[in-house]
Amino acid sequence: MAFGSFEDLEVWRRASRLAVEVYRFLFDCRDFGLKDQMTRSAVSIASNIAEGAERGTKGDFIRFLRIAKGSAAELRTQFYIASEIGLIPNANNKHQLITELKAISSMLQGLISSLQHK
């Protein structure tokens, strides 16, 4: 593969930053069930990118990238729900986070497509 390690991947860096932002954003959240689910989803994106990259085979990497993409969709859904129940009162915050998740999903799809065509 054309990178040294998962730390070299921009999509991993962005997913890691997003996970940190989710933790910061939900720091004072009292809805512990949704908070736990959202932080797990956020951490799962970057973690699956890293795990797939370290597995050493193209097939495993693609499989874990798909799992990461699923976690991004899961987190997007949770943001929509959190917004509807008032956990995200600021529409700008919701828009920024969802936009970043969509960008990460797009990057993951691009990486998957690139690996499939090699």
PDB file of N, CA and C in Angstrom:
ATOM      1  N   MET A   1       0.832  -1.179   0.000  1.00  0.00           N
ATOM      2  CA  MET A   1       0.000   0.000   0.000  1.00  0.00           C
ATOM      3  C   MET A   1       0.883   1.252   0.000  1.00  0.00           C
ATOM      4  N   ALA A   2       0.380   2.359  -0.448  1.00  0.00           N
ATOM      5  CA  ALA A   2       1.185   3.549  -0.731  1.00  0.00           C
ATOM      6  C   ALA A   2       1.345   4.496   0.462  1.00  0.00           C
ATOM      7  N   PHE A   3       1.338   4.005   1.662  1.00  0.00           N
ATOM      8  CA  PHE A   3       1.536   4.849   2.829  1.00  0.00           C
ATOM      9  C   PHE A   3       2.350   4.062   3.846  1.00  0.00           C
ATOM     10  N   GLY A   4       3.027   4.788   4.729  1.00  0.00           N
ATOM     11  CA  GLY A   4       3.880   4.127   5.706  1.00  0.00           C
ATOM     12  C   GLY A   4       3.102   3.506   6.852  1.00  0.00           C
ATOM     13  N   SER A   5       2.174   4.260   7.393  1.00  0.00           N
ATOM     14  CA  SER A   5       1.333   3.759   8.480  1.00  0.00           C
ATOM     15  C   SER A   5       0.018   4.527   8.483  1.00  0.00           C
ATOM     16  N   PHE A   6      -0.893   4.064   9.291  1.00  0.00           N
ATOM     17  CA  PHE A   6      -2.209   4.717   9.321  1.00  0.00           C
ATOM     18  C   PHE A   6      -2.110   6.179   9.734  1.00  0.00           C
ATOM     19  N   GLU A   7      -1.085   6.540  10.510  1.00  0.00           N
ATOM     20  CA  GLU A   7      -0.922   7.932  10.918  1.00  0.00           C
ATOM     21  C   GLU A   7      -0.669   8.859   9.732  1.00  0.00           C
ATOM     22  N   ASP A   8      -0.243   8.296   8.608  1.00  0.00           N
ATOM     23  CA  ASP A   8      -0.006   9.086   7.405  1.00  0.00           C
ATOM     24  C   ASP A   8      -1.292   9.416   6.645  1.00  0.00           C
ATOM     25  N   LEU A   9      -2.366   8.747   6.971  1.00  0.00           N
ATOM     26  CA  LEU A   9      -3.628   8.913   6.240  1.00  0.00           C
ATOM     27  C   LEU A   9      -4.407  10.118   6.764  1.00  0.00           C
ATOM     28  N   GLU A  10      -4.711  11.045   5.870  1.00  0.00           N
ATOM     29  CA  GLU A  10      -5.481  12.235   6.235  1.00  0.00           C
ATOM     30  C   GLU A  10      -6.849  11.855   6.807  1.00  0.00           C
ATOM     31  N   VAL A  11      -7.465  10.823   6.273  1.00  0.00           N
ATOM     32  CA  VAL A  11      -8.783  10.418   6.759  1.00  0.00           C
ATOM     33  C   VAL A  11      -8.689   9.942   8.212  1.00  0.00           C
ATOM     34  N   TRP A  12      -7.608   9.268   8.578  1.00  0.00           N
ATOM     35  CA  TRP A  12      -7.426   8.833   9.967  1.00  0.00           C
ATOM     36  C   TRP A  12      -7.229  10.050  10.874  1.00  0.00           C
ATOM     37  N   ARG A  13      -6.420  11.021  10.417  1.00  0.00           N
ATOM     38  CA  ARG A  13      -6.183  12.227  11.221  1.00  0.00           C
ATOM     39  C   ARG A  13      -7.486  12.992  11.452  1.00  0.00           C
ATOM     40  N   ARG A  14      -8.274  13.132  10.409  1.00  0.00           N
ATOM     41  CA  ARG A  14      -9.552  13.850  10.545  1.00  0.00           C
ATOM     42  C   ARG A  14     -10.521  13.089  11.439  1.00  0.00           C
ATOM     43  N   ALA A  15     -10.567  11.780  11.300  1.00  0.00           N
ATOM     44  CA  ALA A  15     -11.455  10.974  12.139  1.00  0.00           C
ATOM     45  C   ALA A  15     -11.016  11.044  13.607  1.00  0.00           C
ATOM     46  N   SER A  16      -9.721  11.070  13.846  1.00  0.00           N
ATOM     47  CA  SER A  16      -9.218  11.183  15.220  1.00  0.00           C
ATOM     48  C   SER A  16      -9.586  12.532  15.822  1.00  0.00           C
ATOM     49  N   ARG A  17      -9.404  13.591  15.035  1.00  0.00           N
ATOM     50  CA  ARG A  17      -9.782  14.932  15.510  1.00  0.00           C
ATOM     51  C   ARG A  17     -11.278  15.007  15.802  1.00  0.00           C
ATOM     52  N   LEU A  18     -12.067  14.375  14.940  1.00  0.00           N
ATOM     53  CA  LEU A  18     -13.516  14.371  15.147  1.00  0.00           C
ATOM     54  C   LEU A  18     -13.874  13.663  16.452  1.00  0.00           C
ATOM     55  N   ALA A  19     -13.217  12.549  16.741  1.00  0.00           N
ATOM     56  CA  ALA A  19     -13.488  11.818  17.986  1.00  0.00           C
ATOM     57  C   ALA A  19     -13.202  12.706  19.198  1.00  0.00           C
ATOM     58  N   VAL A  20     -12.106  13.442  19.149  1.00  0.00           N
ATOM     59  CA  VAL A  20     -11.770  14.364  20.237  1.00  0.00           C
ATOM     60  C   VAL A  20     -12.841  15.439  20.361  1.00  0.00           C
ATOM     61  N   GLU A  21     -13.287  15.975  19.233  1.00  0.00           N
ATOM     62  CA  GLU A  21     -14.340  17.000  19.245  1.00  0.00           C
ATOM     63  C   GLU A  21     -15.641  16.460  19.834  1.00  0.00           C
ATOM     64  N   VAL A  22     -15.991  15.232  19.499  1.00  0.00           N
ATOM     65  CA  VAL A  22     -17.216  14.631  20.035  1.00  0.00           C
ATOM     66  C   VAL A  22     -17.104  14.513  21.559  1.00  0.00           C
ATOM     67  N   TYR A  23     -15.953  14.060  22.049  1.00  0.00           N
ATOM     68  CA  TYR A  23     -15.759  13.973  23.499  1.00  0.00           C
ATOM     69  C   TYR A  23     -15.887  15.350  24.149  1.00  0.00           C
ATOM     70  N   ARG A  24     -15.270  16.348  23.560  1.00  0.00           N
ATOM     71  CA  ARG A  24     -15.349  17.703  24.121  1.00  0.00           C
ATOM     72  C   ARG A  24     -16.776  18.230  24.082  1.00  0.00           C
ATOM     73  N   PHE A  25     -17.428  18.009  22.964  1.00  0.00           N
ATOM     74  CA  PHE A  25     -18.788  18.498  22.771  1.00  0.00           C
ATOM     75  C   PHE A  25     -19.752  17.883  23.790  1.00  0.00           C
ATOM     76  N   LEU A  26     -19.555  16.614  24.093  1.00  0.00           N
ATOM     77  CA  LEU A  26     -20.476  15.891  24.976  1.00  0.00           C
ATOM     78  C   LEU A  26     -19.995  15.821  26.424  1.00  0.00           C
ATOM     79  N   PHE A  27     -18.956  16.561  26.750  1.00  0.00           N
ATOM     80  CA  PHE A  27     -18.348  16.468  28.077  1.00  0.00           C
ATOM     81  C   PHE A  27     -19.369  16.622  29.205  1.00  0.00           C
ATOM     82  N   ASP A  28     -20.241  17.603  29.110  1.00  0.00           N
ATOM     83  CA  ASP A  28     -21.219  17.872  30.169  1.00  0.00           C
ATOM     84  C   ASP A  28     -22.571  17.201  29.932  1.00  0.00           C
ATOM     85  N   CYS A  29     -22.675  16.389  28.910  1.00  0.00           N
ATOM     86  CA  CYS A  29     -23.944  15.744  28.569  1.00  0.00           C
ATOM     87  C   CYS A  29     -24.381  14.783  29.674  1.00  0.00           C
ATOM     88  N   ARG A  30     -25.638  14.899  30.072  1.00  0.00           N
ATOM     89  CA  ARG A  30     -26.187  14.039  31.125  1.00  0.00           C
ATOM     90  C   ARG A  30     -26.935  12.825  30.563  1.00  0.00           C
ATOM     91  N   ASP A  31     -27.141  12.782  29.261  1.00  0.00           N
ATOM     92  CA  ASP A  31     -27.783  11.621  28.635  1.00  0.00           C
ATOM     93  C   ASP A  31     -26.678  10.590  28.392  1.00  0.00           C
ATOM     94  N   PHE A  32     -26.400   9.807  29.432  1.00  0.00           N
ATOM     95  CA  PHE A  32     -25.238   8.926  29.403  1.00  0.00           C
ATOM     96  C   PHE A  32     -25.339   7.825  28.353  1.00  0.00           C
ATOM     97  N   GLY A  33     -26.541   7.367  28.062  1.00  0.00           N
ATOM     98  CA  GLY A  33     -26.713   6.327  27.044  1.00  0.00           C
ATOM     99  C   GLY A  33     -26.333   6.821  25.662  1.00  0.00           C
ATOM    100  N   LEU A  34     -26.900   7.953  25.273  1.00  0.00           N
ATOM    101  CA  LEU A  34     -26.595   8.508  23.951  1.00  0.00           C
ATOM    102  C   LEU A  34     -25.148   8.996  23.892  1.00  0.00           C
ATOM    103  N   LYS A  35     -24.675   9.602  24.980  1.00  0.00           N
ATOM    104  CA  LYS A  35     -23.278  10.061  25.038  1.00  0.00           C
ATOM    105  C   LYS A  35     -22.324   8.891  24.818  1.00  0.00           C
ATOM    106  N   ASP A  36     -22.575   7.781  25.497  1.00  0.00           N
ATOM    107  CA  ASP A  36     -21.732   6.596  25.360  1.00  0.00           C
ATOM    108  C   ASP A  36     -21.762   6.061  23.929  1.00  0.00           C
ATOM    109  N   GLN A  37     -22.948   5.989  23.360  1.00  0.00           N
ATOM    110  CA  GLN A  37     -23.093   5.480  21.998  1.00  0.00           C
ATOM    111  C   GLN A  37     -22.378   6.380  20.995  1.00  0.00           C
ATOM    112  N   MET A  38     -22.509   7.679  21.165  1.00  0.00           N
ATOM    113  CA  MET A  38     -21.887   8.618  20.232  1.00  0.00           C
ATOM    114  C   MET A  38     -20.362   8.604  20.346  1.00  0.00           C
ATOM    115  N   THR A  39     -19.850   8.550  21.568  1.00  0.00           N
ATOM    116  CA  THR A  39     -18.392   8.521  21.707  1.00  0.00           C
ATOM    117  C   THR A  39     -17.827   7.202  21.183  1.00  0.00           C
ATOM    118  N   ARG A  40     -18.537   6.119  21.393  1.00  0.00           N
ATOM    119  CA  ARG A  40     -18.078   4.832  20.847  1.00  0.00           C
ATOM    120  C   ARG A  40     -18.062   4.852  19.318  1.00  0.00           C
ATOM    121  N   SER A  41     -19.090   5.401  18.719  1.00  0.00           N
ATOM    122  CA  SER A  41     -19.143   5.502  17.262  1.00  0.00           C
ATOM    123  C   SER A  41     -18.000   6.360  16.743  1.00  0.00           C
ATOM    124  N   ALA A  42     -17.758   7.479  17.406  1.00  0.00           N
ATOM    125  CA  ALA A  42     -16.703   8.395  16.977  1.00  0.00           C
ATOM    126  C   ALA A  42     -15.331   7.731  17.056  1.00  0.00           C
ATOM    127  N   VAL A  43     -15.053   7.066  18.155  1.00  0.00           N
ATOM    128  CA  VAL A  43     -13.764   6.392  18.330  1.00  0.00           C
ATOM    129  C   VAL A  43     -13.631   5.235  17.341  1.00  0.00           C
ATOM    130  N   SER A  44     -14.720   4.594  17.036  1.00  0.00           N
ATOM    131  CA  SER A  44     -14.713   3.449  16.130  1.00  0.00           C
ATOM    132  C   SER A  44     -14.246   3.811  14.724  1.00  0.00           C
ATOM    133  N   ILE A  45     -14.541   5.007  14.269  1.00  0.00           N
ATOM    134  CA  ILE A  45     -14.156   5.397  12.906  1.00  0.00           C
ATOM    135  C   ILE A  45     -12.643   5.348  12.762  1.00  0.00           C
ATOM    136  N   ALA A  46     -11.927   6.117  13.572  1.00  0.00           N
ATOM    137  CA  ALA A  46     -10.466   6.161  13.489  1.00  0.00           C
ATOM    138  C   ALA A  46      -9.852   4.809  13.845  1.00  0.00           C
ATOM    139  N   SER A  47     -10.421   4.132  14.835  1.00  0.00           N
ATOM    140  CA  SER A  47      -9.871   2.842  15.272  1.00  0.00           C
ATOM    141  C   SER A  47      -9.939   1.787  14.176  1.00  0.00           C
ATOM    142  N   ASN A  48     -11.038   1.763  13.441  1.00  0.00           N
ATOM    143  CA  ASN A  48     -11.163   0.774  12.370  1.00  0.00           C
ATOM    144  C   ASN A  48     -10.253   1.088  11.191  1.00  0.00           C
ATOM    145  N   ILE A  49     -10.029   2.361  10.921  1.00  0.00           N
ATOM    146  CA  ILE A  49      -9.070   2.720   9.874  1.00  0.00           C
ATOM    147  C   ILE A  49      -7.696   2.192  10.267  1.00  0.00           C
ATOM    148  N   ALA A  50      -7.304   2.448  11.507  1.00  0.00           N
ATOM    149  CA  ALA A  50      -5.990   2.007  11.994  1.00  0.00           C
ATOM    150  C   ALA A  50      -5.881   0.480  11.991  1.00  0.00           C
ATOM    151  N   GLU A  51      -6.891  -0.188  12.508  1.00  0.00           N
ATOM    152  CA  GLU A  51      -6.834  -1.651  12.576  1.00  0.00           C
ATOM    153  C   GLU A  51      -6.741  -2.268  11.187  1.00  0.00           C
ATOM    154  N   GLY A  52      -7.548  -1.768  10.269  1.00  0.00           N
ATOM    155  CA  GLY A  52      -7.504  -2.303   8.906  1.00  0.00           C
ATOM    156  C   GLY A  52      -6.160  -2.090   8.241  1.00  0.00           C
ATOM    157  N   ALA A  53      -5.584  -0.920   8.450  1.00  0.00           N
ATOM    158  CA  ALA A  53      -4.287  -0.616   7.846  1.00  0.00           C
ATOM    159  C   ALA A  53      -3.199  -1.536   8.395  1.00  0.00           C
ATOM    160  N   GLU A  54      -3.301  -1.863   9.661  1.00  0.00           N
ATOM    161  CA  GLU A  54      -2.278  -2.694  10.300  1.00  0.00           C
ATOM    162  C   GLU A  54      -2.471  -4.194  10.052  1.00  0.00           C
ATOM    163  N   ARG A  55      -3.599  -4.588   9.531  1.00  0.00           N
ATOM    164  CA  ARG A  55      -3.849  -6.005   9.254  1.00  0.00           C
ATOM    165  C   ARG A  55      -2.923  -6.548   8.166  1.00  0.00           C
ATOM    166  N   GLY A  56      -2.521  -5.677   7.252  1.00  0.00           N
ATOM    167  CA  GLY A  56      -1.522  -6.083   6.268  1.00  0.00           C
ATOM    168  C   GLY A  56      -2.033  -6.644   4.962  1.00  0.00           C
ATOM    169  N   THR A  57      -3.339  -6.809   4.825  1.00  0.00           N
ATOM    170  CA  THR A  57      -3.856  -7.280   3.542  1.00  0.00           C
ATOM    171  C   THR A  57      -4.865  -6.268   3.013  1.00  0.00           C
ATOM    172  N   LYS A  58      -4.907  -6.169   1.711  1.00  0.00           N
ATOM    173  CA  LYS A  58      -5.831  -5.234   1.073  1.00  0.00           C
ATOM    174  C   LYS A  58      -7.282  -5.576   1.417  1.00  0.00           C
ATOM    175  N   GLY A  59      -7.610  -6.848   1.406  1.00  0.00           N
ATOM    176  CA  GLY A  59      -8.983  -7.258   1.713  1.00  0.00           C
ATOM    177  C   GLY A  59      -9.404  -6.870   3.118  1.00  0.00           C
ATOM    178  N   ASP A  60      -8.521  -7.088   4.082  1.00  0.00           N
ATOM    179  CA  ASP A  60      -8.834  -6.699   5.459  1.00  0.00           C
ATOM    180  C   ASP A  60      -8.958  -5.188   5.579  1.00  0.00           C
ATOM    181  N   PHE A  61      -8.056  -4.471   4.921  1.00  0.00           N
ATOM    182  CA  PHE A  61      -8.097  -3.012   4.987  1.00  0.00           C
ATOM    183  C   PHE A  61      -9.421  -2.494   4.445  1.00  0.00           C
ATOM    184  N   ILE A  62      -9.839  -3.007   3.310  1.00  0.00           N
ATOM    185  CA  ILE A  62     -11.119  -2.585   2.721  1.00  0.00           C
ATOM    186  C   ILE A  62     -12.282  -2.907   3.664  1.00  0.00           C
ATOM    187  N   ARG A  63     -12.261  -4.088   4.247  1.00  0.00           N
ATOM    188  CA  ARG A  63     -13.337  -4.494   5.160  1.00  0.00           C
ATOM    189  C   ARG A  63     -13.429  -3.537   6.353  1.00  0.00           C
ATOM    190  N   PHE A  64     -12.292  -3.190   6.940  1.00  0.00           N
ATOM    191  CA  PHE A  64     -12.299  -2.287   8.086  1.00  0.00           C
ATOM    192  C   PHE A  64     -12.637  -0.852   7.694  1.00  0.00           C
ATOM    193  N   LEU A  65     -12.271  -0.447   6.490  1.00  0.00           N
ATOM    194  CA  LEU A  65     -12.685   0.873   6.009  1.00  0.00           C
ATOM    195  C   LEU A  65     -14.200   0.935   5.861  1.00  0.00           C
ATOM    196  N   ARG A  66     -14.800  -0.154   5.421  1.00  0.00           N
ATOM    197  CA  ARG A  66     -16.268  -0.199   5.313  1.00  0.00           C
ATOM    198  C   ARG A  66     -16.919  -0.130   6.698  1.00  0.00           C
ATOM    199  N   ILE A  67     -16.307  -0.791   7.665  1.00  0.00           N
ATOM    200  CA  ILE A  67     -16.822  -0.722   9.038  1.00  0.00           C
ATOM    201  C   ILE A  67     -16.724   0.714   9.551  1.00  0.00           C
ATOM    202  N   ALA A  68     -15.586   1.374   9.272  1.00  0.00           N
ATOM    203  CA  ALA A  68     -15.406   2.771   9.680  1.00  0.00           C
ATOM    204  C   ALA A  68     -16.465   3.654   9.034  1.00  0.00           C
ATOM    205  N   LYS A  69     -16.747   3.403   7.758  1.00  0.00           N
ATOM    206  CA  LYS A  69     -17.764   4.176   7.040  1.00  0.00           C
ATOM    207  C   LYS A  69     -19.141   3.957   7.683  1.00  0.00           C
ATOM    208  N   GLY A  70     -19.422   2.747   8.090  1.00  0.00           N
ATOM    209  CA  GLY A  70     -20.671   2.459   8.793  1.00  0.00           C
ATOM    210  C   GLY A  70     -20.760   3.189  10.123  1.00  0.00           C
ATOM    211  N   SER A  71     -19.650   3.250  10.837  1.00  0.00           N
ATOM    212  CA  SER A  71     -19.627   3.979  12.109  1.00  0.00           C
ATOM    213  C   SER A  71     -19.845   5.472  11.889  1.00  0.00           C
ATOM    214  N   ALA A  72     -19.320   6.005  10.791  1.00  0.00           N
ATOM    215  CA  ALA A  72     -19.552   7.422  10.472  1.00  0.00           C
ATOM    216  C   ALA A  72     -21.037   7.672  10.223  1.00  0.00           C
ATOM    217  N   ALA A  73     -21.691   6.764   9.521  1.00  0.00           N
ATOM    218  CA  ALA A  73     -23.131   6.904   9.273  1.00  0.00           C
ATOM    219  C   ALA A  73     -23.916   6.765  10.576  1.00  0.00           C
ATOM    220  N   GLU A  74     -23.471   5.857  11.433  1.00  0.00           N
ATOM    221  CA  GLU A  74     -24.106   5.677  12.737  1.00  0.00           C
ATOM    222  C   GLU A  74     -24.003   6.971  13.553  1.00  0.00           C
ATOM    223  N   LEU A  75     -22.828   7.582  13.572  1.00  0.00           N
ATOM    224  CA  LEU A  75     -22.639   8.809  14.330  1.00  0.00           C
ATOM    225  C   LEU A  75     -23.454   9.954  13.742  1.00  0.00           C
ATOM    226  N   ARG A  76     -23.547  10.022  12.426  1.00  0.00           N
ATOM    227  CA  ARG A  76     -24.387  11.048  11.801  1.00  0.00           C
ATOM    228  C   ARG A  76     -25.831  10.903  12.261  1.00  0.00           C
ATOM    229  N   THR A  77     -26.316   9.681  12.274  1.00  0.00           N
ATOM    230  CA  THR A  77     -27.681   9.416  12.724  1.00  0.00           C
ATOM    231  C   THR A  77     -27.860   9.859  14.172  1.00  0.00           C
ATOM    232  N   GLN A  78     -26.879   9.565  15.000  1.00  0.00           N
ATOM    233  CA  GLN A  78     -26.959   9.943  16.411  1.00  0.00           C
ATOM    234  C   GLN A  78     -26.947  11.459  16.585  1.00  0.00           C
ATOM    235  N   PHE A  79     -26.210  12.173  15.724  1.00  0.00           N
ATOM    236  CA  PHE A  79     -26.242  13.636  15.774  1.00  0.00           C
ATOM    237  C   PHE A  79     -27.627  14.165  15.409  1.00  0.00           C
ATOM    238  N   TYR A  80     -28.262  13.557  14.402  1.00  0.00           N
ATOM    239  CA  TYR A  80     -29.617  13.986  14.046  1.00  0.00           C
ATOM    240  C   TYR A  80     -30.568  13.773  15.222  1.00  0.00           C
ATOM    241  N   ILE A  81     -30.465  12.629  15.863  1.00  0.00           N
ATOM    242  CA  ILE A  81     -31.326  12.325  17.008  1.00  0.00           C
ATOM    243  C   ILE A  81     -31.028  13.287  18.153  1.00  0.00           C
ATOM    244  N   ALA A  82     -29.748  13.494  18.452  1.00  0.00           N
ATOM    245  CA  ALA A  82     -29.353  14.399  19.536  1.00  0.00           C
ATOM    246  C   ALA A  82     -29.872  15.810  19.280  1.00  0.00           C
ATOM    247  N   SER A  83     -29.848  16.213  18.035  1.00  0.00           N
ATOM    248  CA  SER A  83     -30.356  17.536  17.682  1.00  0.00           C
ATOM    249  C   SER A  83     -31.859  17.623  17.923  1.00  0.00           C
ATOM    250  N   GLU A  84     -32.573  16.597  17.520  1.00  0.00           N
ATOM    251  CA  GLU A  84     -34.037  16.586  17.668  1.00  0.00           C
ATOM    252  C   GLU A  84     -34.475  16.606  19.130  1.00  0.00           C
ATOM    253  N   ILE A  85     -33.688  16.007  20.026  1.00  0.00           N
ATOM    254  CA  ILE A  85     -34.082  15.970  21.440  1.00  0.00           C
ATOM    255  C   ILE A  85     -33.453  17.116  22.237  1.00  0.00           C
ATOM    256  N   GLY A  86     -32.783  18.034  21.547  1.00  0.00           N
ATOM    257  CA  GLY A  86     -32.276  19.240  22.184  1.00  0.00           C
ATOM    258  C   GLY A  86     -30.869  19.163  22.744  1.00  0.00           C
ATOM    259  N   LEU A  87     -30.143  18.088  22.492  1.00  0.00           N
ATOM    260  CA  LEU A  87     -28.762  17.989  22.977  1.00  0.00           C
ATOM    261  C   LEU A  87     -27.815  18.872  22.181  1.00  0.00           C
ATOM    262  N   ILE A  88     -28.206  19.225  20.968  1.00  0.00           N
ATOM    263  CA  ILE A  88     -27.390  20.096  20.119  1.00  0.00           C
ATOM    264  C   ILE A  88     -28.258  21.299  19.754  1.00  0.00           C
ATOM    265  N   PRO A  89     -28.312  22.264  20.646  1.00  0.00           N
ATOM    266  CA  PRO A  89     -29.176  23.408  20.390  1.00  0.00           C
ATOM    267  C   PRO A  89     -28.651  24.335  19.294  1.00  0.00           C
ATOM    268  N   ASN A  90     -27.346  24.352  19.089  1.00  0.00           N
ATOM    269  CA  ASN A  90     -26.738  25.242  18.106  1.00  0.00           C
ATOM    270  C   ASN A  90     -26.715  24.565  16.738  1.00  0.00           C
ATOM    271  N   ALA A  91     -27.486  25.074  15.802  1.00  0.00           N
ATOM    272  CA  ALA A  91     -27.562  24.481  14.460  1.00  0.00           C
ATOM    273  C   ALA A  91     -26.211  24.508  13.759  1.00  0.00           C
ATOM    274  N   ASN A  92     -25.380  25.509  14.052  1.00  0.00           N
ATOM    275  CA  ASN A  92     -24.041  25.576  13.454  1.00  0.00           C
ATOM    276  C   ASN A  92     -23.185  24.391  13.858  1.00  0.00           C
ATOM    277  N   ASN A  93     -23.233  24.022  15.148  1.00  0.00           N
ATOM    278  CA  ASN A  93     -22.466  22.865  15.625  1.00  0.00           C
ATOM    279  C   ASN A  93     -22.896  21.596  14.901  1.00  0.00           C
ATOM    280  N   LYS A  94     -24.192  21.408  14.820  1.00  0.00           N
ATOM    281  CA  LYS A  94     -24.719  20.221  14.140  1.00  0.00           C
ATOM    282  C   LYS A  94     -24.265  20.206  12.685  1.00  0.00           C
ATOM    283  N   HIS A  95     -24.395  21.325  12.020  1.00  0.00           N
ATOM    284  CA  HIS A  95     -24.028  21.405  10.602  1.00  0.00           C
ATOM    285  C   HIS A  95     -22.539  21.117  10.404  1.00  0.00           C
ATOM    286  N   GLN A  96     -21.693  21.684  11.225  1.00  0.00           N
ATOM    287  CA  GLN A  96     -20.249  21.477  11.096  1.00  0.00           C
ATOM    288  C   GLN A  96     -19.877  20.015  11.311  1.00  0.00           C
ATOM    289  N   LEU A  97     -20.436  19.407  12.337  1.00  0.00           N
ATOM    290  CA  LEU A  97     -20.099  18.015  12.640  1.00  0.00           C
ATOM    291  C   LEU A  97     -20.608  17.072  11.553  1.00  0.00           C
ATOM    292  N   ILE A  98     -21.803  17.307  11.090  1.00  0.00           N
ATOM    293  CA  ILE A  98     -22.357  16.453  10.035  1.00  0.00           C
ATOM    294  C   ILE A  98     -21.595  16.654   8.729  1.00  0.00           C
ATOM    295  N   THR A  99     -21.220  17.875   8.419  1.00  0.00           N
ATOM    296  CA  THR A  99     -20.429  18.134   7.220  1.00  0.00           C
ATOM    297  C   THR A  99     -19.095  17.400   7.288  1.00  0.00           C
ATOM    298  N   GLU A 100     -18.455  17.426   8.451  1.00  0.00           N
ATOM    299  CA  GLU A 100     -17.172  16.716   8.611  1.00  0.00           C
ATOM    300  C   GLU A 100     -17.369  15.203   8.489  1.00  0.00           C
ATOM    301  N   LEU A 101     -18.430  14.693   9.060  1.00  0.00           N
ATOM    302  CA  LEU A 101     -18.707  13.253   8.935  1.00  0.00           C
ATOM    303  C   LEU A 101     -18.953  12.853   7.481  1.00  0.00           C
ATOM    304  N   LYS A 102     -19.661  13.678   6.747  1.00  0.00           N
ATOM    305  CA  LYS A 102     -19.889  13.386   5.330  1.00  0.00           C
ATOM    306  C   LYS A 102     -18.577  13.420   4.559  1.00  0.00           C
ATOM    307  N   ALA A 103     -17.705  14.361   4.889  1.00  0.00           N
ATOM    308  CA  ALA A 103     -16.402  14.439   4.224  1.00  0.00           C
ATOM    309  C   ALA A 103     -15.562  13.204   4.537  1.00  0.00           C
ATOM    310  N   ILE A 104     -15.579  12.775   5.779  1.00  0.00           N
ATOM    311  CA  ILE A 104     -14.834  11.570   6.176  1.00  0.00           C
ATOM    312  C   ILE A 104     -15.390  10.349   5.446  1.00  0.00           C
ATOM    313  N   SER A 105     -16.705  10.237   5.380  1.00  0.00           N
ATOM    314  CA  SER A 105     -17.325   9.114   4.649  1.00  0.00           C
ATOM    315  C   SER A 105     -16.911   9.114   3.186  1.00  0.00           C
ATOM    316  N   SER A 106     -16.883  10.293   2.593  1.00  0.00           N
ATOM    317  CA  SER A 106     -16.468  10.409   1.195  1.00  0.00           C
ATOM    318  C   SER A 106     -15.004  10.000   1.017  1.00  0.00           C
ATOM    319  N   MET A 107     -14.160  10.431   1.937  1.00  0.00           N
ATOM    320  CA  MET A 107     -12.748  10.047   1.883  1.00  0.00           C
ATOM    321  C   MET A 107     -12.584   8.536   2.037  1.00  0.00           C
ATOM    322  N   LEU A 108     -13.347   7.957   2.936  1.00  0.00           N
ATOM    323  CA  LEU A 108     -13.284   6.506   3.120  1.00  0.00           C
ATOM    324  C   LEU A 108     -13.709   5.779   1.846  1.00  0.00           C
ATOM    325  N   GLN A 109     -14.792   6.252   1.217  1.00  0.00           N
ATOM    326  CA  GLN A 109     -15.247   5.633  -0.027  1.00  0.00           C
ATOM    327  C   GLN A 109     -14.190   5.770  -1.117  1.00  0.00           C
ATOM    328  N   GLY A 110     -13.548   6.923  -1.191  1.00  0.00           N
ATOM    329  CA  GLY A 110     -12.491   7.121  -2.169  1.00  0.00           C
ATOM    330  C   GLY A 110     -11.324   6.182  -1.946  1.00  0.00           C
ATOM    331  N   LEU A 111     -10.956   5.984  -0.693  1.00  0.00           N
ATOM    332  CA  LEU A 111      -9.861   5.058  -0.373  1.00  0.00           C
ATOM    333  C   LEU A 111     -10.250   3.628  -0.700  1.00  0.00           C
ATOM    334  N   ILE A 112     -11.478   3.254  -0.382  1.00  0.00           N
ATOM    335  CA  ILE A 112     -11.965   1.915  -0.719  1.00  0.00           C
ATOM    336  C   ILE A 112     -11.916   1.699  -2.222  1.00  0.00           C
ATOM    337  N   SER A 113     -12.430   2.652  -2.985  1.00  0.00           N
ATOM    338  CA  SER A 113     -12.442   2.539  -4.437  1.00  0.00           C
ATOM    339  C   SER A 113     -11.024   2.446  -4.997  1.00  0.00           C
ATOM    340  N   SER A 114     -10.131   3.247  -4.445  1.00  0.00           N
ATOM    341  CA  SER A 114      -8.740   3.228  -4.881  1.00  0.00           C
ATOM    342  C   SER A 114      -8.097   1.863  -4.639  1.00  0.00           C
ATOM    343  N   LEU A 115      -8.353   1.301  -3.470  1.00  0.00           N
ATOM    344  CA  LEU A 115      -7.777  -0.006  -3.143  1.00  0.00           C
ATOM    345  C   LEU A 115      -8.376  -1.117  -3.999  1.00  0.00           C
ATOM    346  N   GLN A 116      -9.646  -1.015  -4.309  1.00  0.00           N
ATOM    347  CA  GLN A 116     -10.311  -2.035  -5.122  1.00  0.00           C
ATOM    348  C   GLN A 116      -9.777  -2.060  -6.550  1.00  0.00           C
ATOM    349  N   HIS A 117      -9.309  -0.921  -7.033  1.00  0.00           N
ATOM    350  CA  HIS A 117      -8.841  -0.838  -8.427  1.00  0.00           C
ATOM    351  C   HIS A 117      -7.361  -1.086  -8.575  1.00  0.00           C
ATOM    352  N   LYS A 118      -6.686  -1.432  -7.491  1.00  0.00           N
ATOM    353  CA  LYS A 118      -5.249  -1.733  -7.577  1.00  0.00           C
ATOM    354  C   LYS A 118      -5.031  -3.200  -7.797  1.00  0.00           C
TER     355      LYS A 118
END
